[in-house]
Amino acid sequence: MKIKTRKAIAKRFKITKKGKIIARTANQDHFNSRESGNKTRQKRADKQIVTGVKKAIKRQLVK
């Protein structure tokens, strides 16, 4: 039987051509007016996942 892709994870993470896992920065939806402009600009960029969670994410993104 084929392993199904976890759709919730597929919506949140992307695997690059070289195998890096990219995710959107957290805490962007609201309460951002109190933060500095520098912090707001930093949140616009995507982040690379570098923790030990990478293996689990890749396993659940099987296509």
N, C-alpha and C. Protein backbone atom coordinates (compact mmCIF):
# COMPACT_ATOMS: atom_id res chain seq x y z
N MET A 1 0.84 -1.17 0.00
CA MET A 1 0.00 0.00 0.00
C MET A 1 0.89 1.25 0.00
N LYS A 2 0.50 2.26 -0.76
CA LYS A 2 1.27 3.50 -0.84
C LYS A 2 1.08 4.32 0.43
N ILE A 3 2.11 5.05 0.80
CA ILE A 3 2.03 5.95 1.94
C ILE A 3 1.41 7.26 1.47
N LYS A 4 0.42 7.74 2.18
CA LYS A 4 -0.24 8.97 1.79
C LYS A 4 0.53 10.18 2.32
N THR A 5 0.48 11.26 1.58
CA THR A 5 1.09 12.52 2.00
C THR A 5 0.22 13.17 3.07
N ARG A 6 0.86 13.67 4.13
CA ARG A 6 0.13 14.41 5.16
C ARG A 6 -0.16 15.80 4.60
N LYS A 7 -1.40 16.07 4.31
CA LYS A 7 -1.77 17.32 3.64
C LYS A 7 -1.51 18.54 4.51
N ALA A 8 -1.68 18.43 5.82
CA ALA A 8 -1.43 19.57 6.70
C ALA A 8 0.04 19.98 6.65
N ILE A 9 0.92 19.00 6.56
CA ILE A 9 2.36 19.29 6.47
C ILE A 9 2.72 19.77 5.08
N ALA A 10 2.08 19.22 4.06
CA ALA A 10 2.35 19.63 2.68
C ALA A 10 2.00 21.10 2.47
N LYS A 11 1.01 21.61 3.20
CA LYS A 11 0.62 23.01 3.06
C LYS A 11 1.60 23.95 3.75
N ARG A 12 2.31 23.46 4.75
CA ARG A 12 3.16 24.33 5.57
C ARG A 12 4.63 24.30 5.20
N PHE A 13 5.08 23.22 4.59
CA PHE A 13 6.50 23.07 4.29
C PHE A 13 6.73 22.80 2.81
N LYS A 14 7.91 23.18 2.34
CA LYS A 14 8.29 22.94 0.96
C LYS A 14 9.71 22.41 0.96
N ILE A 15 9.97 21.41 0.14
CA ILE A 15 11.32 20.87 0.03
C ILE A 15 11.96 21.44 -1.23
N THR A 16 13.14 22.01 -1.08
CA THR A 16 13.85 22.58 -2.22
C THR A 16 14.51 21.48 -3.02
N LYS A 17 15.10 21.86 -4.14
CA LYS A 17 15.75 20.88 -5.02
C LYS A 17 16.93 20.19 -4.32
N LYS A 18 17.60 20.90 -3.44
CA LYS A 18 18.75 20.33 -2.74
C LYS A 18 18.36 19.63 -1.44
N GLY A 19 17.05 19.59 -1.11
CA GLY A 19 16.60 18.85 0.05
C GLY A 19 16.39 19.67 1.31
N LYS A 20 16.54 20.98 1.22
CA LYS A 20 16.28 21.82 2.38
C LYS A 20 14.78 21.94 2.59
N ILE A 21 14.37 22.13 3.85
CA ILE A 21 12.95 22.30 4.16
C ILE A 21 12.71 23.76 4.52
N ILE A 22 11.77 24.39 3.80
CA ILE A 22 11.46 25.80 3.97
C ILE A 22 10.06 25.92 4.57
N ALA A 23 9.92 26.84 5.54
CA ALA A 23 8.61 27.08 6.16
C ALA A 23 8.42 28.59 6.33
N ARG A 24 7.17 29.00 6.36
CA ARG A 24 6.88 30.40 6.62
C ARG A 24 7.22 30.73 8.08
N THR A 25 7.56 31.98 8.32
CA THR A 25 7.83 32.42 9.68
C THR A 25 6.54 32.44 10.49
N ALA A 26 6.62 32.02 11.73
CA ALA A 26 5.44 31.98 12.60
C ALA A 26 5.11 33.38 13.12
N ASN A 27 3.92 33.52 13.69
CA ASN A 27 3.45 34.75 14.37
C ASN A 27 3.36 35.95 13.44
N GLN A 28 2.76 35.76 12.28
CA GLN A 28 2.62 36.86 11.34
C GLN A 28 1.19 37.37 11.23
N ASP A 29 0.22 36.67 11.79
CA ASP A 29 -1.17 36.97 11.46
C ASP A 29 -1.71 38.25 12.09
N HIS A 30 -1.47 38.47 13.37
CA HIS A 30 -1.96 39.70 13.99
C HIS A 30 -1.09 40.07 15.16
N PHE A 31 -1.38 41.23 15.79
CA PHE A 31 -0.56 41.82 16.87
C PHE A 31 0.83 42.19 16.37
N ASN A 32 0.93 42.64 15.13
CA ASN A 32 2.23 42.99 14.59
C ASN A 32 2.52 44.49 14.67
N SER A 33 1.53 45.30 14.99
CA SER A 33 1.75 46.75 15.02
C SER A 33 2.67 47.15 16.17
N ARG A 34 2.71 46.36 17.22
CA ARG A 34 3.55 46.71 18.36
C ARG A 34 5.03 46.40 18.11
N GLU A 35 5.32 45.62 17.08
CA GLU A 35 6.71 45.23 16.83
C GLU A 35 7.41 46.27 15.96
N SER A 36 8.71 46.25 16.02
CA SER A 36 9.48 47.20 15.24
C SER A 36 9.41 46.86 13.76
N GLY A 37 9.71 47.84 12.94
CA GLY A 37 9.71 47.62 11.50
C GLY A 37 10.73 46.59 11.09
N ASN A 38 11.84 46.54 11.80
CA ASN A 38 12.88 45.56 11.48
C ASN A 38 12.37 44.14 11.69
N LYS A 39 11.67 43.91 12.78
CA LYS A 39 11.11 42.59 13.07
C LYS A 39 10.04 42.21 12.05
N THR A 40 9.23 43.18 11.64
CA THR A 40 8.18 42.93 10.65
C THR A 40 8.79 42.51 9.32
N ARG A 41 9.85 43.18 8.92
CA ARG A 41 10.52 42.83 7.65
C ARG A 41 11.17 41.45 7.74
N GLN A 42 11.71 41.12 8.90
CA GLN A 42 12.34 39.80 9.06
C GLN A 42 11.31 38.68 8.93
N LYS A 43 10.09 38.94 9.36
CA LYS A 43 9.04 37.91 9.30
C LYS A 43 8.57 37.63 7.88
N ARG A 44 8.84 38.53 6.94
CA ARG A 44 8.40 38.31 5.56
C ARG A 44 9.17 37.18 4.89
N ALA A 45 10.37 36.93 5.35
CA ALA A 45 11.22 35.90 4.73
C ALA A 45 10.86 34.52 5.25
N ASP A 46 11.02 33.52 4.40
CA ASP A 46 10.82 32.13 4.81
C ASP A 46 12.03 31.65 5.59
N LYS A 47 11.81 30.69 6.46
CA LYS A 47 12.88 30.15 7.30
C LYS A 47 13.22 28.73 6.89
N GLN A 48 14.47 28.36 7.07
CA GLN A 48 14.90 27.00 6.80
C GLN A 48 14.83 26.20 8.11
N ILE A 49 14.27 24.99 8.03
CA ILE A 49 14.16 24.13 9.20
C ILE A 49 15.51 23.42 9.38
N VAL A 50 16.12 23.59 10.55
CA VAL A 50 17.44 23.01 10.78
C VAL A 50 17.46 22.07 11.98
N THR A 51 16.32 21.82 12.60
CA THR A 51 16.29 20.98 13.79
C THR A 51 16.18 19.50 13.42
N GLY A 52 16.03 18.65 14.43
CA GLY A 52 15.91 17.23 14.20
C GLY A 52 14.55 16.81 13.68
N VAL A 53 13.66 17.76 13.44
CA VAL A 53 12.33 17.47 12.94
C VAL A 53 12.36 17.20 11.43
N LYS A 54 13.49 17.52 10.78
CA LYS A 54 13.59 17.40 9.33
C LYS A 54 13.26 16.00 8.84
N LYS A 55 13.76 15.00 9.52
CA LYS A 55 13.56 13.61 9.09
C LYS A 55 12.07 13.25 9.12
N ALA A 56 11.38 13.66 10.17
CA ALA A 56 9.95 13.36 10.30
C ALA A 56 9.13 14.09 9.23
N ILE A 57 9.51 15.32 8.95
CA ILE A 57 8.77 16.09 7.93
C ILE A 57 8.96 15.46 6.56
N LYS A 58 10.19 15.09 6.23
CA LYS A 58 10.44 14.48 4.92
C LYS A 58 9.69 13.16 4.77
N ARG A 59 9.59 12.40 5.85
CA ARG A 59 8.89 11.12 5.80
C ARG A 59 7.39 11.32 5.53
N GLN A 60 6.82 12.38 6.06
CA GLN A 60 5.39 12.62 5.91
C GLN A 60 5.06 13.35 4.61
N LEU A 61 6.07 13.84 3.91
CA LEU A 61 5.86 14.51 2.63
C LEU A 61 6.10 13.56 1.46
N VAL A 62 5.99 12.27 1.68
CA VAL A 62 6.21 11.28 0.61
C VAL A 62 5.18 11.49 -0.47
N LYS A 63 5.63 11.46 -1.73
CA LYS A 63 4.69 11.64 -2.83
C LYS A 63 4.63 10.41 -3.68
